N, C-alpha and C. Protein backbone atom coordinates (compact mmCIF):
# COMPACT_ATOMS: atom_id res chain seq x y z
N MET A 1 73.13 117.09 79.45
CA MET A 1 74.55 116.67 80.64
C MET A 1 75.59 116.10 79.28
N LEU A 2 76.51 116.96 79.75
CA LEU A 2 78.09 116.78 79.01
C LEU A 2 78.37 115.50 79.42
N LYS A 3 78.41 114.98 78.20
CA LYS A 3 78.41 113.05 78.12
C LYS A 3 80.10 113.29 78.39
N SER A 4 80.51 111.99 78.89
CA SER A 4 82.37 111.78 78.53
C SER A 4 83.03 111.87 77.26
N GLU A 5 82.23 111.27 76.55
CA GLU A 5 81.82 110.82 75.44
C GLU A 5 82.31 112.09 74.71
N PHE A 6 80.95 112.94 74.60
CA PHE A 6 81.76 114.28 74.03
C PHE A 6 82.33 115.25 74.37
N LEU A 7 83.02 115.02 75.96
CA LEU A 7 83.67 116.13 76.12
C LEU A 7 85.32 115.32 75.42
N GLU A 8 85.83 114.13 75.30
CA GLU A 8 86.76 113.63 75.18
C GLU A 8 86.73 113.74 73.54
N ALA A 9 85.68 113.62 72.37
CA ALA A 9 85.62 113.73 71.16
C ALA A 9 86.21 115.16 70.78
N GLU A 10 85.59 116.20 71.86
CA GLU A 10 86.06 117.71 71.81
C GLU A 10 87.00 117.79 72.00
N MET A 11 87.68 117.46 73.22
CA MET A 11 89.46 117.68 73.54
C MET A 11 89.89 117.15 72.49
N LEU A 12 89.43 115.83 71.99
CA LEU A 12 90.52 115.36 70.80
C LEU A 12 91.00 115.68 69.33
N GLU A 13 89.60 116.76 69.39
CA GLU A 13 89.44 117.78 67.88
C GLU A 13 90.34 118.93 68.34
N ILE A 14 90.09 119.48 69.29
CA ILE A 14 90.85 120.60 69.82
C ILE A 14 92.60 120.69 69.79
N ASN A 15 92.64 119.14 70.42
CA ASN A 15 93.79 118.50 70.37
C ASN A 15 94.46 118.58 69.26
N ASN A 16 94.06 117.49 68.42
CA ASN A 16 94.55 117.63 66.66
C ASN A 16 94.35 119.60 66.41
N GLU A 17 93.77 119.87 66.25
CA GLU A 17 94.21 121.32 65.68
C GLU A 17 95.15 122.14 66.24
N LEU A 18 95.20 122.17 67.66
CA LEU A 18 96.19 122.52 68.02
C LEU A 18 97.94 121.81 67.59
N GLN A 19 97.92 120.70 67.34
CA GLN A 19 99.17 119.93 67.07
C GLN A 19 99.35 120.77 65.38
N LYS A 20 98.25 120.16 64.31
CA LYS A 20 98.60 121.36 63.01
C LYS A 20 99.16 121.98 63.18
N LEU A 21 98.55 123.70 64.29
CA LEU A 21 98.62 124.84 64.71
C LEU A 21 100.32 124.68 64.55
N VAL A 22 101.28 123.69 65.50
CA VAL A 22 101.88 123.81 66.22
C VAL A 22 102.92 123.79 64.93
N GLN A 23 102.59 122.95 63.99
CA GLN A 23 103.22 122.16 62.91
C GLN A 23 103.65 123.43 61.96
N LEU A 24 102.65 124.23 61.71
CA LEU A 24 102.67 124.98 60.65
C LEU A 24 103.10 126.00 61.40
N ARG A 25 103.65 126.63 62.72
CA ARG A 25 104.38 127.65 62.99
C ARG A 25 105.42 127.17 63.21
N ARG A 26 105.50 125.57 62.34
CA ARG A 26 107.73 125.66 62.20
C ARG A 26 107.83 125.53 61.16
N SER A 27 107.02 125.80 59.93
CA SER A 27 106.98 126.57 58.55
C SER A 27 108.00 127.69 58.72
N PRO A 28 108.68 127.93 57.97
CA PRO A 28 109.56 129.48 57.99
C PRO A 28 108.54 130.80 57.67
N THR A 29 107.08 130.20 56.56
CA THR A 29 106.44 131.54 56.33
C THR A 29 104.80 131.10 56.98
N LEU A 30 104.13 131.82 57.59
CA LEU A 30 102.92 131.34 58.15
C LEU A 30 102.34 132.32 57.18
N LYS A 31 101.05 131.34 57.20
CA LYS A 31 99.76 132.37 56.20
C LYS A 31 99.14 133.10 57.89
N ILE A 32 98.27 133.97 56.88
CA ILE A 32 97.30 134.88 57.12
C ILE A 32 96.49 134.41 58.06
N ALA A 33 95.87 133.37 57.23
CA ALA A 33 94.75 132.38 57.68
C ALA A 33 95.50 131.77 59.55
N TYR A 34 96.65 131.86 59.39
CA TYR A 34 96.91 131.30 60.72
C TYR A 34 96.49 131.64 62.24
N GLN A 35 96.41 133.46 61.90
CA GLN A 35 96.27 134.21 63.72
C GLN A 35 94.48 133.70 63.40
N GLY A 36 93.27 133.13 62.58
CA GLY A 36 92.38 132.66 62.53
C GLY A 36 91.97 131.71 63.23
N GLN A 37 93.02 131.17 62.85
CA GLN A 37 92.60 129.42 63.18
C GLN A 37 93.24 129.45 64.34
N TRP A 38 94.40 130.07 65.05
CA TRP A 38 94.12 130.12 66.67
C TRP A 38 93.42 130.66 67.24
N ALA A 39 92.94 131.84 67.28
CA ALA A 39 91.54 132.63 67.48
C ALA A 39 90.38 131.64 67.87
N THR A 40 90.17 130.67 66.73
CA THR A 40 88.87 130.19 66.45
C THR A 40 89.00 128.86 67.36
N LEU A 41 90.30 128.78 67.83
CA LEU A 41 90.86 127.42 68.52
C LEU A 41 90.33 128.17 69.85
N LYS A 42 91.41 128.85 70.38
CA LYS A 42 90.75 129.79 71.31
C LYS A 42 89.60 129.86 71.88
N THR A 43 88.83 130.67 71.27
CA THR A 43 87.48 130.54 71.12
C THR A 43 86.69 128.95 71.79
N ARG A 44 87.11 127.83 70.55
CA ARG A 44 86.14 126.44 71.05
C ARG A 44 87.41 126.31 72.53
N ALA A 45 88.02 126.34 72.61
CA ALA A 45 88.14 125.56 74.25
C ALA A 45 88.13 126.39 75.14
N SER A 46 87.79 127.86 74.80
CA SER A 46 87.25 128.67 75.75
C SER A 46 85.56 128.13 76.03
N ASP A 47 84.89 128.18 74.79
CA ASP A 47 83.38 127.82 74.95
C ASP A 47 83.63 126.11 75.68
N LEU A 48 84.29 125.25 75.78
CA LEU A 48 84.63 123.96 75.99
C LEU A 48 84.39 124.28 77.58
N LEU A 49 85.81 124.63 78.11
CA LEU A 49 85.69 125.32 79.43
C LEU A 49 84.65 125.67 80.11
N ASN A 50 84.02 126.71 79.47
CA ASN A 50 83.04 127.46 80.34
C ASN A 50 81.61 125.80 80.00
N ALA A 51 81.33 125.94 79.34
CA ALA A 51 80.71 124.96 79.45
C ALA A 51 80.72 123.48 80.46
N VAL A 52 81.53 123.21 80.29
CA VAL A 52 82.18 122.61 81.59
C VAL A 52 81.54 122.74 83.19
N SER A 53 82.47 124.14 82.84
CA SER A 53 82.22 125.05 84.49
C SER A 53 81.10 124.99 84.41
N GLN A 54 79.91 125.50 83.84
CA GLN A 54 78.30 126.03 83.92
C GLN A 54 78.46 124.79 84.50
N LYS A 55 78.03 123.75 83.38
CA LYS A 55 77.55 122.36 84.01
C LYS A 55 77.91 121.50 86.02
N ARG A 56 79.38 122.31 85.84
CA ARG A 56 79.50 121.94 86.67
C ARG A 56 78.97 122.46 88.26
N ILE A 57 78.99 123.73 87.99
CA ILE A 57 78.29 124.81 88.74
C ILE A 57 76.91 124.47 89.14
N LYS A 58 75.85 124.29 87.97
CA LYS A 58 74.57 123.46 87.46
C LYS A 58 74.60 122.43 88.96
N VAL A 59 75.19 121.39 88.66
CA VAL A 59 75.43 120.26 89.50
C VAL A 59 75.93 120.03 90.76
N HIS A 60 76.92 121.19 91.20
CA HIS A 60 77.07 121.41 92.30
C HIS A 60 75.86 121.80 93.27
N ASN A 61 75.25 123.25 92.78
CA ASN A 61 74.70 123.69 92.91
C ASN A 61 72.72 122.45 93.68
N ALA A 62 72.85 121.71 92.48
CA ALA A 62 71.62 120.93 93.17
C ALA A 62 72.13 120.18 94.08
N VAL A 63 73.27 119.51 94.15
CA VAL A 63 74.20 118.83 95.32
C VAL A 63 73.52 119.50 96.62
N SER A 64 74.05 120.21 96.65
CA SER A 64 74.38 121.66 97.77
C SER A 64 73.21 121.58 98.35
N MET A 65 72.08 121.63 97.38
CA MET A 65 70.53 122.37 98.04
C MET A 65 69.82 120.96 98.28
N HIS A 66 70.63 119.79 98.01
CA HIS A 66 69.63 118.41 98.19
C HIS A 66 70.26 117.80 99.68
N PHE A 67 71.61 118.33 99.36
CA PHE A 67 72.00 118.25 101.37
C PHE A 67 71.39 119.51 102.16
N VAL A 68 71.64 120.54 102.04
CA VAL A 68 70.38 121.11 102.90
C VAL A 68 69.48 120.74 103.24
N SER A 69 68.89 120.51 102.17
CA SER A 69 66.98 120.02 102.97
C SER A 69 67.03 118.70 103.33
N ASN A 70 68.28 117.79 103.13
CA ASN A 70 68.69 116.33 103.88
C ASN A 70 69.03 117.06 105.26
N VAL A 71 69.96 117.74 105.53
CA VAL A 71 70.14 117.77 106.71
C VAL A 71 69.34 118.50 107.58
N HIS A 72 68.31 119.62 106.99
CA HIS A 72 66.93 120.09 108.06
C HIS A 72 65.72 119.09 107.98
N LEU A 73 65.75 117.90 107.38
CA LEU A 73 64.93 117.25 107.55
C LEU A 73 65.42 116.52 108.40
N VAL A 74 67.12 115.77 108.97
CA VAL A 74 67.48 114.93 109.86
C VAL A 74 67.77 115.77 110.97
N GLU A 75 67.87 116.93 110.99
CA GLU A 75 67.54 117.75 112.33
C GLU A 75 65.77 117.54 112.95
N ASP A 76 64.95 117.37 111.78
CA ASP A 76 64.26 117.77 112.68
C ASP A 76 63.62 116.08 112.95
N GLN A 77 64.20 114.77 112.27
CA GLN A 77 64.14 113.65 112.63
C GLN A 77 64.44 113.42 114.23
N ALA A 78 65.64 114.23 114.23
CA ALA A 78 66.50 113.53 115.61
C ALA A 78 66.27 113.79 116.28
N LEU A 79 65.14 114.70 116.76
CA LEU A 79 64.08 115.48 118.20
C LEU A 79 63.89 113.83 118.11
N LEU A 80 63.19 113.26 117.04
CA LEU A 80 62.42 112.12 117.33
C LEU A 80 62.39 111.19 117.87
N TYR A 81 63.87 111.13 117.59
CA TYR A 81 64.62 109.63 117.65
C TYR A 81 65.53 109.47 119.05
N LEU A 82 65.96 110.61 119.11
CA LEU A 82 66.14 111.21 120.58
C LEU A 82 65.44 110.73 121.86
N ALA A 83 63.94 111.24 121.41
CA ALA A 83 63.14 111.00 122.62
C ALA A 83 62.56 109.24 122.24
N ASN A 84 62.73 108.80 121.59
CA ASN A 84 62.45 107.49 121.65
C ASN A 84 63.47 106.10 122.15
N THR A 85 64.66 106.84 122.35
CA THR A 85 66.22 105.95 122.57
C THR A 85 66.01 106.35 124.17
N PRO A 86 66.56 104.60 124.34
CA PRO A 86 65.98 104.70 125.94
C PRO A 86 67.44 104.92 126.54
N TYR A 87 67.91 104.96 127.93
CA TYR A 87 68.09 106.13 128.62
C TYR A 87 69.55 105.00 128.94
N PHE A 88 70.48 105.43 129.11
CA PHE A 88 71.81 104.66 130.01
C PHE A 88 72.53 105.21 130.55
N PRO A 89 72.83 104.84 131.42
CA PRO A 89 74.09 105.75 132.37
C PRO A 89 75.43 105.95 131.22
N GLU A 90 76.24 106.58 131.70
CA GLU A 90 77.08 107.47 130.91
C GLU A 90 78.21 106.12 131.03
N SER A 91 78.42 105.45 132.20
CA SER A 91 79.36 104.53 133.01
C SER A 91 79.18 103.29 132.24
N GLU A 92 77.62 102.59 131.32
CA GLU A 92 77.89 101.62 130.83
C GLU A 92 78.12 101.84 129.22
N TYR A 93 79.08 103.16 128.92
CA TYR A 93 78.76 103.25 127.47
C TYR A 93 80.27 102.63 127.36
N LEU A 94 80.58 102.15 126.39
CA LEU A 94 82.05 100.87 126.56
C LEU A 94 82.81 102.10 125.07
N THR A 95 83.85 102.83 125.43
CA THR A 95 84.78 103.66 124.20
C THR A 95 85.57 102.59 123.69
N ARG A 96 86.22 103.24 122.72
CA ARG A 96 87.39 102.39 122.42
C ARG A 96 88.93 102.41 122.96
N GLU A 97 88.36 104.25 123.71
CA GLU A 97 89.42 104.61 125.12
C GLU A 97 89.97 103.47 125.71
N ALA A 98 88.41 103.49 126.42
CA ALA A 98 88.28 102.52 127.38
C ALA A 98 88.29 101.53 127.51
N ARG A 99 88.03 100.92 126.20
CA ARG A 99 88.37 99.01 126.29
C ARG A 99 90.32 99.47 126.20
N ILE A 100 91.31 99.96 124.92
CA ILE A 100 91.89 100.65 124.79
C ILE A 100 93.25 101.06 126.27
N PHE A 101 92.59 101.02 126.82
CA PHE A 101 92.73 101.49 128.71
C PHE A 101 92.72 100.16 129.32
N LYS A 102 92.22 99.96 129.60
CA LYS A 102 91.56 98.50 130.20
C LYS A 102 92.61 97.14 130.07
N LEU A 103 92.82 97.36 128.30
CA LEU A 103 93.48 96.21 127.94
C LEU A 103 95.21 96.77 128.68
N LEU A 104 95.57 97.69 128.38
CA LEU A 104 96.70 98.16 128.54
C LEU A 104 96.75 98.00 130.49
N ARG A 105 96.28 98.43 130.91
CA ARG A 105 96.36 98.08 132.24
C ARG A 105 96.14 96.62 132.42
N GLN A 106 95.57 95.87 132.25
CA GLN A 106 95.69 94.26 132.50
C GLN A 106 97.36 93.75 131.74
N LYS A 107 97.59 94.77 130.97
CA LYS A 107 99.06 94.06 130.58
C LYS A 107 100.40 94.71 131.88
N ILE A 108 99.84 95.55 132.29
CA ILE A 108 100.60 96.44 132.88
C ILE A 108 100.73 95.57 134.59
N VAL A 109 99.44 94.87 134.67
CA VAL A 109 99.14 93.80 135.86
C VAL A 109 99.90 92.42 135.97
N LYS A 110 99.87 92.39 134.41
CA LYS A 110 100.91 90.88 134.44
C LYS A 110 102.11 91.07 134.34
N GLN A 111 102.76 91.99 133.33
CA GLN A 111 104.41 92.46 134.17
C GLN A 111 104.80 92.46 135.29
N GLN A 112 103.89 93.06 136.26
CA GLN A 112 103.83 93.44 137.56
C GLN A 112 104.08 91.79 138.14
N GLU A 113 102.88 91.56 138.34
CA GLU A 113 102.75 90.01 138.50
C GLU A 113 104.01 89.25 137.71
N GLU A 114 104.13 89.13 136.93
CA GLU A 114 105.90 88.22 137.10
C GLU A 114 107.09 88.60 137.60
N ALA A 115 107.39 90.03 137.33
CA ALA A 115 108.38 90.77 138.01
C ALA A 115 108.89 90.87 139.49
N LYS A 116 107.24 90.56 139.87
CA LYS A 116 107.53 90.41 141.01
C LYS A 116 107.22 88.74 141.60
N ALA A 117 106.84 87.59 140.66
CA ALA A 117 107.47 86.17 140.62
C ALA A 117 108.74 86.07 140.08
N LYS A 118 109.12 87.03 139.19
CA LYS A 118 111.39 86.71 140.01
C LYS A 118 111.66 87.02 140.56
N GLU A 119 111.14 88.41 141.77
CA GLU A 119 111.61 88.65 142.54
C GLU A 119 111.34 87.47 143.98
N ASP A 120 111.12 87.25 143.88
CA ASP A 120 110.44 85.63 144.58
C ASP A 120 111.47 85.03 144.31
N LEU A 121 111.36 84.29 143.14
CA LEU A 121 112.10 83.37 143.03
C LEU A 121 113.78 83.82 143.34
N LEU A 122 114.20 84.76 143.12
CA LEU A 122 115.40 85.48 143.49
C LEU A 122 115.97 85.57 144.79
N LEU A 123 115.21 85.56 145.80
CA LEU A 123 115.08 86.40 147.24
C LEU A 123 114.84 84.59 147.52
N GLN A 124 114.27 84.07 147.22
CA GLN A 124 113.89 82.39 147.60
C GLN A 124 115.38 81.88 147.72
N LYS A 125 116.34 82.59 145.99
CA LYS A 125 117.33 81.46 145.95
C LYS A 125 119.00 82.14 146.61
N GLN A 126 118.22 83.89 146.97
CA GLN A 126 119.10 84.18 147.62
C GLN A 126 118.72 83.71 149.23
N LEU A 127 118.00 83.10 149.73
CA LEU A 127 117.83 82.90 151.11
C LEU A 127 118.52 81.58 150.98
N GLU A 128 118.18 81.09 150.22
CA GLU A 128 118.34 79.11 149.97
C GLU A 128 120.17 79.30 149.51
N HIS A 129 121.07 80.09 149.24
CA HIS A 129 122.09 80.59 149.10
C HIS A 129 123.09 80.54 150.28
N GLU A 130 121.97 81.28 150.95
CA GLU A 130 122.60 82.20 152.32
C GLU A 130 122.70 81.09 153.47
N ALA A 131 121.62 79.83 153.55
CA ALA A 131 121.13 79.21 154.07
C ALA A 131 122.66 78.26 153.96
N THR A 132 122.78 78.12 152.80
CA THR A 132 124.38 77.28 152.74
C THR A 132 125.56 77.43 152.78
N VAL A 133 125.37 79.34 152.37
CA VAL A 133 126.56 79.61 153.18
C VAL A 133 126.53 79.45 155.08
N LYS A 134 125.35 79.94 155.39
CA LYS A 134 125.68 79.76 156.77
C LYS A 134 126.26 77.98 157.03
N MET A 135 125.67 77.38 156.49
CA MET A 135 125.78 75.34 157.15
C MET A 135 127.01 75.22 156.27
N GLN A 136 128.19 75.86 155.49
CA GLN A 136 129.16 75.62 154.84
C GLN A 136 130.11 76.37 156.16
N LYS A 137 130.25 77.39 156.58
CA LYS A 137 130.03 78.29 157.69
C LYS A 137 130.44 77.16 158.97
N ASP A 138 129.32 76.52 159.45
CA ASP A 138 129.00 76.32 160.93
C ASP A 138 130.32 74.60 160.60
N LEU A 139 129.80 73.83 159.92
CA LEU A 139 130.86 72.60 159.35
C LEU A 139 132.43 73.38 159.09
N ILE A 140 132.92 74.41 158.78
CA ILE A 140 134.70 74.62 158.62
C ILE A 140 134.55 74.58 160.03
N ALA A 141 133.54 75.44 160.87
CA ALA A 141 133.62 76.05 161.86
C ALA A 141 133.84 74.34 162.72
N GLN A 142 133.45 73.79 162.71
CA GLN A 142 133.06 72.20 163.75
C GLN A 142 134.57 71.56 162.89
N LEU A 143 134.98 71.68 162.12
CA LEU A 143 136.12 70.72 161.64
C LEU A 143 137.38 71.86 162.15
N MET A 144 137.86 72.94 162.49
CA MET A 144 137.60 73.92 163.12
C MET A 144 138.63 73.89 164.46
N ASN A 145 137.39 73.56 165.09
CA ASN A 145 136.98 72.84 166.80
C ASN A 145 137.96 71.93 166.65
N LYS A 146 137.59 70.65 165.94
CA LYS A 146 138.01 68.83 166.48
C LYS A 146 139.20 69.16 165.88
N GLN A 147 140.05 69.92 164.95
CA GLN A 147 141.16 69.42 165.01
C GLN A 147 142.17 70.35 165.78
N ALA A 148 141.62 71.60 166.21
CA ALA A 148 142.41 72.59 167.76
C ALA A 148 142.23 71.19 168.87
């Protein structure tokens, strides 16, 4: 198994070697060994990436096989669990949507009741105002009759 410490050490070595090669490239004349060092560095990096990818493929394959075997086990056991569960009619199941719908319905009913109460209060005030206006009109008519 590839350990993270090993991978980090290899990557640091490759990085350091890459930096040295880049420093060499800045010099006016390049050595003949420069091409060989680049080839060696590319080979080491490629080998490391191949090793990591091969390990990843093996681990992924093992996990996939384990998952598939577990799925088949669960599918076989699901029938047994389903046979042993009690029956409840669908109307007894409470879903999240049903609870939200119920809360929204209650909120709407409450708002309608408040609106009706306000409307009744306004109607009552209007009737009182009309009664007051009628009484004042009658008083004015009585006063006019007395003066005439």
